[in-house]
Protein backbone atom coordinates (compact mmCIF):
# COMPACT_ATOMS: atom_id res chain seq x y z
CA MET A 1 -13.26 7.90 10.54
CA THR A 2 -12.75 6.64 14.05
CA GLY A 3 -14.25 4.30 16.45
CA ASP A 4 -16.60 1.26 15.77
CA ASP A 5 -18.19 1.78 12.33
CA SER A 6 -17.93 -1.84 11.31
CA GLY A 7 -20.51 -3.23 13.51
CA THR A 8 -18.07 -5.97 14.83
CA GLY A 9 -17.24 -4.15 18.06
CA GLU A 10 -13.67 -3.54 16.83
CA ASN A 11 -12.04 -0.32 16.71
CA THR A 12 -11.57 0.83 13.14
CA GLU A 13 -9.78 3.88 13.59
CA ASP A 14 -7.21 4.51 10.87
CA ALA A 15 -4.56 7.01 9.67
CA THR A 16 -6.89 9.35 7.83
CA GLY A 17 -7.99 12.66 9.01
CA SER A 18 -11.39 14.15 8.71
CA ASP A 19 -10.29 15.81 5.46
CA GLY A 20 -9.54 12.32 4.01
CA ASP A 21 -5.71 12.77 3.80
CA ILE A 22 -3.59 10.03 4.95
CA HIS A 23 -1.37 11.03 7.90
CA ALA A 24 2.01 9.79 8.88
CA ASP A 25 1.45 6.51 11.06
CA ALA A 26 4.75 4.62 12.05
CA GLU A 27 2.82 1.65 13.25
CA THR A 28 0.72 1.15 9.91
CA ARG A 29 3.90 1.78 7.87
CA GLU A 30 6.02 -0.63 9.77
CA CYS A 31 2.98 -3.38 9.61
CA LEU A 32 2.73 -2.95 5.90
CA ARG A 33 6.63 -3.27 5.44
CA THR A 34 6.81 -6.30 7.74
CA VAL A 35 4.04 -8.12 5.76
CA ALA A 36 5.74 -7.12 2.38
CA ALA A 37 9.07 -8.61 3.59
CA ASP A 38 7.27 -11.78 4.82
CA ILE A 39 5.30 -12.41 1.60
CA ARG A 40 8.31 -11.71 -0.72
CA GLY A 41 9.52 -15.00 -2.34
CA ASP A 42 10.94 -16.42 -5.46
CA SER A 43 7.90 -15.91 -7.58
CA SER A 44 7.34 -12.81 -9.76
CA GLU A 45 3.80 -12.52 -8.09
CA SER A 46 5.10 -12.63 -4.55
CA LYS A 47 7.75 -10.02 -5.44
CA GLN A 48 5.13 -7.90 -7.20
CA LEU A 49 2.72 -7.96 -4.27
CA SER A 50 5.60 -7.27 -1.93
CA ALA A 51 6.61 -4.33 -3.80
CA ILE A 52 3.01 -2.97 -3.96
CA LEU A 53 2.73 -3.19 -0.20
CA TYR A 54 5.84 -1.48 0.36
CA ARG A 55 4.69 1.36 -1.99
CA VAL A 56 1.53 1.71 -0.06
CA SER A 57 3.46 1.70 3.21
CA ASP A 58 5.07 4.94 1.73
CA LEU A 59 1.78 6.84 2.29
CA TYR A 60 2.32 6.65 5.95
CA ASP A 61 6.00 7.86 5.72
CA PRO A 62 6.36 11.56 6.30
CA GLU A 63 9.51 11.57 4.35
CA GLU A 64 7.76 10.18 1.14
CA ASP A 65 6.01 12.43 -1.39
CA THR A 66 3.44 10.11 -2.97
CA SER A 67 -0.35 9.74 -3.19
CA PRO A 68 -2.83 6.94 -3.60
CA GLU A 69 -3.40 8.13 -7.09
CA GLU A 70 0.26 8.00 -8.07
CA ILE A 71 0.48 4.36 -6.39
CA TYR A 72 -2.70 3.27 -8.33
CA LEU A 73 -1.35 4.59 -11.65
CA ASN A 74 2.02 3.01 -11.02
CA VAL A 75 0.49 -0.53 -10.16
CA ARG A 76 -1.89 -0.27 -12.99
CA HIS A 77 0.96 0.40 -15.50
CA ILE A 78 2.89 -2.57 -14.20
CA MET A 79 -0.03 -4.84 -14.42
CA GLN A 80 -0.63 -3.62 -17.93
CA ILE A 81 3.14 -4.38 -18.93
CA LYS A 82 2.82 -7.76 -17.22
CA ALA A 83 -0.32 -8.71 -19.18
CA GLN A 84 1.41 -7.71 -22.42
CA GLY A 85 4.26 -10.28 -21.46
CA GLY A 86 6.79 -7.67 -20.52
CA ILE A 87 8.39 -4.59 -21.93
CA GLN A 88 9.07 -4.82 -25.62
CA ARG A 89 12.45 -3.60 -26.46
C-alpha cells in the first residue's frame, strides 16, 4: 500500500510490498526500538509492552527470522501466563 489511502492527506506508505510481506526498513525498526526504550520503566506492564515493541521491530530487521504470526503467538502465550498469575512451577 502506498500513497494517501487514509483520506487525511498524509502519506501512508509502509514497509509492506504488494505481496503483503514485510520488508527490511531501518527507519521503522529504529523508531520502534526507540519507542520501546522510551516506555520501558519499572512496572511489569511497561517492560512487557517494551518487549513486544522490540519484538515487532524484528520484523523490519533483515537479520531476524520471524513472522507476524510467531510474534502474535508468543505475545498471546505471555498474556495467558500473566492472566494465570505466572508460571506454575
